[in-house]
PDB file of N, CA and C in Angstrom:
ATOM      1  N   UNK A   1       0.838  -1.088   0.190  1.00  0.00           N
ATOM      2  CA  UNK A   1      -0.032   0.007  -0.457  1.00  0.00           C
ATOM      3  C   UNK A   1       1.129   1.255  -0.126  1.00  0.00           C
ATOM      4  N   UNK A   2       0.133   2.022  -0.550  1.00  0.00           N
ATOM      5  CA  UNK A   2       0.905   3.684  -0.742  1.00  0.00           C
ATOM      6  C   UNK A   2      -0.410   4.394  -0.449  1.00  0.00           C
ATOM      7  N   UNK A   3       0.794   5.785   0.685  1.00  0.00           N
ATOM      8  CA  UNK A   3      -0.210   6.805   0.942  1.00  0.00           C
ATOM      9  C   UNK A   3      -0.148   7.875   0.022  1.00  0.00           C
ATOM     10  N   UNK A   4      -1.155   8.633  -0.239  1.00  0.00           N
ATOM     11  CA  UNK A   4      -1.378   9.400  -1.200  1.00  0.00           C
ATOM     12  C   UNK A   4      -2.371  10.614  -0.260  1.00  0.00           C
ATOM     13  N   UNK A   5      -2.740  11.821  -1.177  1.00  0.00           N
ATOM     14  CA  UNK A   5      -3.274  12.506  -0.457  1.00  0.00           C
ATOM     15  C   UNK A   5      -4.640  13.261  -2.057  1.00  0.00           C
ATOM     16  N   UNK A   6      -5.952  13.530  -1.546  1.00  0.00           N
ATOM     17  CA  UNK A   6      -6.902  13.358  -2.678  1.00  0.00           C
ATOM     18  C   UNK A   6      -6.625  15.012  -2.423  1.00  0.00           C
ATOM     19  N   UNK A   7      -7.676  15.911  -3.435  1.00  0.00           N
ATOM     20  CA  UNK A   7      -6.746  16.928  -3.573  1.00  0.00           C
ATOM     21  C   UNK A   7      -7.906  18.188  -2.607  1.00  0.00           C
ATOM     22  N   UNK A   8      -8.904  17.354  -1.928  1.00  0.00           N
ATOM     23  CA  UNK A   8      -9.189  17.711  -0.424  1.00  0.00           C
ATOM     24  C   UNK A   8      -8.479  17.864   0.780  1.00  0.00           C
ATOM     25  N   UNK A   9      -7.680  17.312   0.477  1.00  0.00           N
ATOM     26  CA  UNK A   9      -5.710  17.010   1.452  1.00  0.00           C
ATOM     27  C   UNK A   9      -6.363  15.315   2.586  1.00  0.00           C
ATOM     28  N   UNK A  10      -7.268  15.206   1.629  1.00  0.00           N
ATOM     29  CA  UNK A  10      -7.200  13.821   2.891  1.00  0.00           C
ATOM     30  C   UNK A  10      -6.342  12.501   2.403  1.00  0.00           C
ATOM     31  N   UNK A  11      -5.941  11.794   3.403  1.00  0.00           N
ATOM     32  CA  UNK A  11      -4.901  10.656   2.968  1.00  0.00           C
ATOM     33  C   UNK A  11      -5.475   9.664   3.311  1.00  0.00           C
ATOM     34  N   UNK A  12      -5.125   9.471   2.389  1.00  0.00           N
ATOM     35  CA  UNK A  12      -5.699   7.273   2.104  1.00  0.00           C
ATOM     36  C   UNK A  12      -4.578   7.349   1.873  1.00  0.00           C
ATOM     37  N   UNK A  13      -4.687   5.255   1.783  1.00  0.00           N
ATOM     38  CA  UNK A  13      -4.065   3.951   1.451  1.00  0.00           C
ATOM     39  C   UNK A  13      -4.573   3.601   0.032  1.00  0.00           C
ATOM     40  N   UNK A  14      -3.148   3.621  -1.161  1.00  0.00           N
ATOM     41  CA  UNK A  14      -4.197   2.700  -2.030  1.00  0.00           C
ATOM     42  C   UNK A  14      -3.265   1.225  -2.343  1.00  0.00           C
ATOM     43  N   UNK A  15      -3.929   0.359  -2.197  1.00  0.00           N
ATOM     44  CA  UNK A  15      -3.262  -0.933  -2.623  1.00  0.00           C
ATOM     45  C   UNK A  15      -2.268  -0.634  -3.939  1.00  0.00           C
ATOM     46  N   UNK A  16      -1.244  -0.986  -4.327  1.00  0.00           N
ATOM     47  CA  UNK A  16      -0.771  -0.857  -5.640  1.00  0.00           C
ATOM     48  C   UNK A  16      -0.708  -1.543  -6.742  1.00  0.00           C
ATOM     49  N   UNK A  17      -1.295  -2.884  -6.264  1.00  0.00           N
ATOM     50  CA  UNK A  17      -1.497  -3.964  -7.410  1.00  0.00           C
ATOM     51  C   UNK A  17      -3.169  -3.665  -8.484  1.00  0.00           C
ATOM     52  N   UNK A  18      -4.160  -2.280  -7.466  1.00  0.00           N
ATOM     53  CA  UNK A  18      -5.048  -2.153  -7.928  1.00  0.00           C
ATOM     54  C   UNK A  18      -4.976  -0.888  -9.097  1.00  0.00           C
ATOM     55  N   UNK A  19      -3.758  -0.782  -9.682  1.00  0.00           N
ATOM     56  CA  UNK A  19      -3.370   0.344 -10.091  1.00  0.00           C
ATOM     57  C   UNK A  19      -3.043  -0.287 -12.100  1.00  0.00           C
ATOM     58  N   UNK A  20      -4.008   0.543 -12.622  1.00  0.00           N
ATOM     59  CA  UNK A  20      -3.606   0.227 -14.067  1.00  0.00           C
ATOM     60  C   UNK A  20      -2.901   1.392 -14.868  1.00  0.00           C
ATOM     61  N   UNK A  21      -3.149   2.668 -14.747  1.00  0.00           N
ATOM     62  CA  UNK A  21      -1.908   3.755 -14.979  1.00  0.00           C
ATOM     63  C   UNK A  21      -2.545   4.775 -14.519  1.00  0.00           C
ATOM     64  N   UNK A  22      -0.845   5.923 -14.611  1.00  0.00           N
ATOM     65  CA  UNK A  22      -0.994   6.925 -13.480  1.00  0.00           C
ATOM     66  C   UNK A  22      -1.001   8.137 -14.822  1.00  0.00           C
ATOM     67  N   UNK A  23      -1.603   9.402 -14.808  1.00  0.00           N
ATOM     68  CA  UNK A  23      -1.505   9.965 -15.961  1.00  0.00           C
ATOM     69  C   UNK A  23      -1.638  11.398 -15.431  1.00  0.00           C
ATOM     70  N   UNK A  24      -0.830  12.543 -15.973  1.00  0.00           N
ATOM     71  CA  UNK A  24      -0.770  13.952 -15.126  1.00  0.00           C
ATOM     72  C   UNK A  24      -1.742  14.727 -16.680  1.00  0.00           C
ATOM     73  N   UNK A  25      -3.158  15.401 -15.933  1.00  0.00           N
ATOM     74  CA  UNK A  25      -3.409  15.910 -17.038  1.00  0.00           C
ATOM     75  C   UNK A  25      -4.243  17.454 -16.542  1.00  0.00           C
ATOM     76  N   UNK A  26      -3.714  18.121 -15.845  1.00  0.00           N
ATOM     77  CA  UNK A  26      -2.157  18.282 -15.260  1.00  0.00           C
ATOM     78  C   UNK A  26      -2.445  17.381 -13.876  1.00  0.00           C
ATOM     79  N   UNK A  27      -3.273  17.330 -13.194  1.00  0.00           N
ATOM     80  CA  UNK A  27      -3.687  16.567 -12.159  1.00  0.00           C
ATOM     81  C   UNK A  27      -3.344  15.500 -11.868  1.00  0.00           C
ATOM     82  N   UNK A  28      -2.403  14.734 -11.168  1.00  0.00           N
ATOM     83  CA  UNK A  28      -2.225  13.514 -11.462  1.00  0.00           C
ATOM     84  C   UNK A  28      -3.467  12.512 -10.618  1.00  0.00           C
ATOM     85  N   UNK A  29      -3.862  12.069 -12.362  1.00  0.00           N
ATOM     86  CA  UNK A  29      -4.623  10.851 -11.913  1.00  0.00           C
ATOM     87  C   UNK A  29      -4.691   9.161 -12.193  1.00  0.00           C
ATOM     88  N   UNK A  30      -4.688   8.357 -11.149  1.00  0.00           N
ATOM     89  CA  UNK A  30      -4.776   7.254 -11.146  1.00  0.00           C
ATOM     90  C   UNK A  30      -5.896   6.560 -11.682  1.00  0.00           C
ATOM     91  N   UNK A  31      -5.825   5.555 -12.554  1.00  0.00           N
ATOM     92  CA  UNK A  31      -6.723   4.819 -12.864  1.00  0.00           C
ATOM     93  C   UNK A  31      -6.446   3.297 -12.658  1.00  0.00           C
ATOM     94  N   UNK A  32      -7.777   2.946 -11.641  1.00  0.00           N
ATOM     95  CA  UNK A  32      -7.986   1.595 -11.354  1.00  0.00           C
ATOM     96  C   UNK A  32      -7.551   0.487 -11.777  1.00  0.00           C
ATOM     97  N   UNK A  33      -7.690  -0.886 -11.952  1.00  0.00           N
ATOM     98  CA  UNK A  33      -7.731  -1.796 -12.821  1.00  0.00           C
ATOM     99  C   UNK A  33      -9.171  -1.764 -12.933  1.00  0.00           C
ATOM    100  N   UNK A  34     -10.055  -1.382 -11.885  1.00  0.00           N
ATOM    101  CA  UNK A  34     -11.795  -1.692 -12.279  1.00  0.00           C
ATOM    102  C   UNK A  34     -12.116  -0.526 -13.203  1.00  0.00           C
ATOM    103  N   UNK A  35     -11.249   0.614 -13.220  1.00  0.00           N
ATOM    104  CA  UNK A  35     -11.758   1.875 -14.262  1.00  0.00           C
ATOM    105  C   UNK A  35     -12.214   2.721 -13.424  1.00  0.00           C
ATOM    106  N   UNK A  36     -11.962   2.929 -11.853  1.00  0.00           N
ATOM    107  CA  UNK A  36     -12.397   3.974 -11.424  1.00  0.00           C
ATOM    108  C   UNK A  36     -11.066   4.824 -11.824  1.00  0.00           C
ATOM    109  N   UNK A  37     -11.078   5.973 -11.044  1.00  0.00           N
ATOM    110  CA  UNK A  37     -10.242   7.210 -11.541  1.00  0.00           C
ATOM    111  C   UNK A  37     -10.062   7.720 -10.223  1.00  0.00           C
ATOM    112  N   UNK A  38      -8.984   7.999  -9.758  1.00  0.00           N
ATOM    113  CA  UNK A  38      -8.714   8.777  -8.348  1.00  0.00           C
ATOM    114  C   UNK A  38      -7.608  10.041  -8.493  1.00  0.00           C
ATOM    115  N   UNK A  39      -8.016  11.243  -8.457  1.00  0.00           N
ATOM    116  CA  UNK A  39      -7.417  12.574  -8.490  1.00  0.00           C
ATOM    117  C   UNK A  39      -6.234  12.812  -7.228  1.00  0.00           C
ATOM    118  N   UNK A  40      -5.239  12.711  -7.547  1.00  0.00           N
ATOM    119  CA  UNK A  40      -4.119  13.219  -6.463  1.00  0.00           C
ATOM    120  C   UNK A  40      -3.604  14.452  -6.354  1.00  0.00           C
ATOM    121  N   UNK A  41      -2.847  14.989  -4.920  1.00  0.00           N
ATOM    122  CA  UNK A  41      -2.394  16.163  -4.789  1.00  0.00           C
ATOM    123  C   UNK A  41      -0.922  15.870  -5.308  1.00  0.00           C
ATOM    124  N   UNK A  42      -0.586  14.404  -5.160  1.00  0.00           N
ATOM    125  CA  UNK A  42       0.888  13.797  -5.372  1.00  0.00           C
ATOM    126  C   UNK A  42       1.133  14.229  -6.743  1.00  0.00           C
ATOM    127  N   UNK A  43       2.184  14.409  -6.690  1.00  0.00           N
ATOM    128  CA  UNK A  43       3.134  14.280  -8.487  1.00  0.00           C
ATOM    129  C   UNK A  43       3.298  13.097  -9.423  1.00  0.00           C
ATOM    130  N   UNK A  44       2.986  12.844  -9.962  1.00  0.00           N
ATOM    131  CA  UNK A  44       2.995  11.698 -10.853  1.00  0.00           C
ATOM    132  C   UNK A  44       4.302  11.290 -10.808  1.00  0.00           C
ATOM    133  N   UNK A  45       5.219  11.892 -10.849  1.00  0.00           N
ATOM    134  CA  UNK A  45       6.601  10.882 -10.333  1.00  0.00           C
ATOM    135  C   UNK A  45       6.943  10.699  -8.789  1.00  0.00           C
ATOM    136  N   UNK A  46       6.072  11.176  -7.811  1.00  0.00           N
ATOM    137  CA  UNK A  46       6.113  11.145  -6.694  1.00  0.00           C
ATOM    138  C   UNK A  46       5.607   9.583  -6.361  1.00  0.00           C
ATOM    139  N   UNK A  47       4.233   9.903  -7.122  1.00  0.00           N
ATOM    140  CA  UNK A  47       3.311   8.187  -7.217  1.00  0.00           C
ATOM    141  C   UNK A  47       4.778   7.297  -7.689  1.00  0.00           C
ATOM    142  N   UNK A  48       4.954   7.223  -8.520  1.00  0.00           N
ATOM    143  CA  UNK A  48       5.890   6.218  -9.350  1.00  0.00           C
ATOM    144  C   UNK A  48       7.136   5.777  -8.294  1.00  0.00           C
ATOM    145  N   UNK A  49       7.723   6.772  -7.667  1.00  0.00           N
ATOM    146  CA  UNK A  49       8.667   6.569  -6.824  1.00  0.00           C
ATOM    147  C   UNK A  49       8.533   5.674  -5.476  1.00  0.00           C
ATOM    148  N   UNK A  50       7.136   6.056  -5.085  1.00  0.00           N
ATOM    149  CA  UNK A  50       6.391   5.047  -4.172  1.00  0.00           C
ATOM    150  C   UNK A  50       6.088   4.241  -4.017  1.00  0.00           C
ATOM    151  N   UNK A  51       5.717   3.878  -5.411  1.00  0.00           N
ATOM    152  CA  UNK A  51       5.114   2.392  -6.085  1.00  0.00           C
ATOM    153  C   UNK A  51       6.418   1.714  -5.833  1.00  0.00           C
ATOM    154  N   UNK A  52       7.538   2.193  -6.483  1.00  0.00           N
ATOM    155  CA  UNK A  52       8.934   1.486  -6.723  1.00  0.00           C
ATOM    156  C   UNK A  52       9.574   1.118  -5.209  1.00  0.00           C
ATOM    157  N   UNK A  53       9.384   2.231  -4.375  1.00  0.00           N
ATOM    158  CA  UNK A  53       9.663   1.680  -2.836  1.00  0.00           C
ATOM    159  C   UNK A  53       8.993   0.432  -2.387  1.00  0.00           C
ATOM    160  N   UNK A  54       7.431   0.680  -2.726  1.00  0.00           N
ATOM    161  CA  UNK A  54       6.808  -0.146  -2.237  1.00  0.00           C
ATOM    162  C   UNK A  54       7.365  -1.685  -3.104  1.00  0.00           C
ATOM    163  N   UNK A  55       7.718  -1.847  -4.209  1.00  0.00           N
ATOM    164  CA  UNK A  55       8.081  -2.912  -4.734  1.00  0.00           C
ATOM    165  C   UNK A  55       9.250  -3.607  -3.970  1.00  0.00           C
ATOM    166  N   UNK A  56      10.273  -2.173  -3.938  1.00  0.00           N
ATOM    167  CA  UNK A  56      11.344  -3.068  -3.414  1.00  0.00           C
ATOM    168  C   UNK A  56      11.110  -3.629  -1.824  1.00  0.00           C
ATOM    169  N   UNK A  57      10.283  -2.687  -0.937  1.00  0.00           N
ATOM    170  CA  UNK A  57      10.398  -3.337   0.115  1.00  0.00           C
ATOM    171  C   UNK A  57       9.641  -5.020   0.040  1.00  0.00           C
ATOM    172  N   UNK A  58       9.032  -5.427  -0.472  1.00  0.00           N
ATOM    173  CA  UNK A  58       8.491  -6.526  -1.094  1.00  0.00           C
ATOM    174  C   UNK A  58       9.446  -7.304  -1.713  1.00  0.00           C
ATOM    175  N   UNK A  59      10.443  -6.602  -2.338  1.00  0.00           N
ATOM    176  CA  UNK A  59      11.227  -7.942  -3.014  1.00  0.00           C
ATOM    177  C   UNK A  59      11.137  -8.248  -4.705  1.00  0.00           C
ATOM    178  N   UNK A  60      10.204  -7.115  -4.971  1.00  0.00           N
ATOM    179  CA  UNK A  60       9.929  -7.137  -6.366  1.00  0.00           C
ATOM    180  C   UNK A  60      10.552  -6.195  -7.387  1.00  0.00           C
ATOM    181  N   UNK A  61      11.696  -5.678  -7.058  1.00  0.00           N
ATOM    182  CA  UNK A  61      12.112  -4.545  -7.371  1.00  0.00           C
ATOM    183  C   UNK A  61      12.687  -4.463  -9.211  1.00  0.00           C
ATOM    184  N   UNK A  62      13.112  -5.949  -9.483  1.00  0.00           N
ATOM    185  CA  UNK A  62      13.364  -6.003 -10.769  1.00  0.00           C
ATOM    186  C   UNK A  62      14.793  -5.642 -10.795  1.00  0.00           C
ATOM    187  N   UNK A  63      15.621  -5.285 -10.097  1.00  0.00           N
ATOM    188  CA  UNK A  63      16.846  -4.728 -10.117  1.00  0.00           C
ATOM    189  C   UNK A  63      18.176  -5.492 -10.495  1.00  0.00           C
ATOM    190  N   UNK A  64      17.593  -7.170  -9.950  1.00  0.00           N
ATOM    191  CA  UNK A  64      18.158  -8.509 -10.765  1.00  0.00           C
ATOM    192  C   UNK A  64      18.228  -8.718 -11.879  1.00  0.00           C
ATOM    193  N   UNK A  65      17.511  -8.251 -12.828  1.00  0.00           N
ATOM    194  CA  UNK A  65      17.339  -8.945 -14.107  1.00  0.00           C
ATOM    195  C   UNK A  65      16.337  -8.097 -15.002  1.00  0.00           C
ATOM    196  N   UNK A  66      16.964  -8.798 -16.314  1.00  0.00           N
ATOM    197  CA  UNK A  66      16.027  -7.612 -17.376  1.00  0.00           C
ATOM    198  C   UNK A  66      15.043  -8.371 -17.875  1.00  0.00           C
ATOM    199  N   UNK A  67      13.904  -7.980 -18.432  1.00  0.00           N
ATOM    200  CA  UNK A  67      13.464  -9.056 -19.615  1.00  0.00           C
ATOM    201  C   UNK A  67      13.667  -9.321 -20.499  1.00  0.00           C
ATOM    202  N   UNK A  68      13.984 -10.703 -20.571  1.00  0.00           N
ATOM    203  CA  UNK A  68      14.636 -11.348 -21.617  1.00  0.00           C
ATOM    204  C   UNK A  68      15.166 -11.933 -20.821  1.00  0.00           C
ATOM    205  N   UNK A  69      15.378 -11.864 -19.480  1.00  0.00           N
ATOM    206  CA  UNK A  69      16.862 -12.391 -19.017  1.00  0.00           C
ATOM    207  C   UNK A  69      16.965 -14.015 -19.273  1.00  0.00           C
ATOM    208  N   UNK A  70      18.094 -14.848 -19.806  1.00  0.00           N
ATOM    209  CA  UNK A  70      17.392 -16.030 -19.869  1.00  0.00           C
ATOM    210  C   UNK A  70      17.840 -16.835 -18.166  1.00  0.00           C
ATOM    211  N   UNK A  71      18.649 -16.172 -17.532  1.00  0.00           N
ATOM    212  CA  UNK A  71      19.077 -16.683 -16.363  1.00  0.00           C
ATOM    213  C   UNK A  71      18.342 -16.666 -15.344  1.00  0.00           C
ATOM    214  N   UNK A  72      16.843 -16.354 -15.828  1.00  0.00           N
ATOM    215  CA  UNK A  72      15.444 -16.201 -15.089  1.00  0.00           C
ATOM    216  C   UNK A  72      14.939 -17.100 -15.585  1.00  0.00           C
ATOM    217  N   UNK A  73      14.914 -18.125 -16.524  1.00  0.00           N
ATOM    218  CA  UNK A  73      14.228 -19.412 -17.097  1.00  0.00           C
ATOM    219  C   UNK A  73      14.170 -20.132 -16.200  1.00  0.00           C
TER     220      UNK A  73
END
């Protein structure tokens, strides 16, 4: 889970695995896999960094291999 802030200042936690895409319209808009859209105060870059940090925390950071790396088959 990552902690984000709605436009009204309310903080909430979002499950990373529910995110389909992140865009800046210029407000950062997160689209979930169910189609729901959430607009947050956090910048797109900040949200992406929080996601990467979460993945590192659970050991899914991907620094150890690249796509197509035959050592991971």
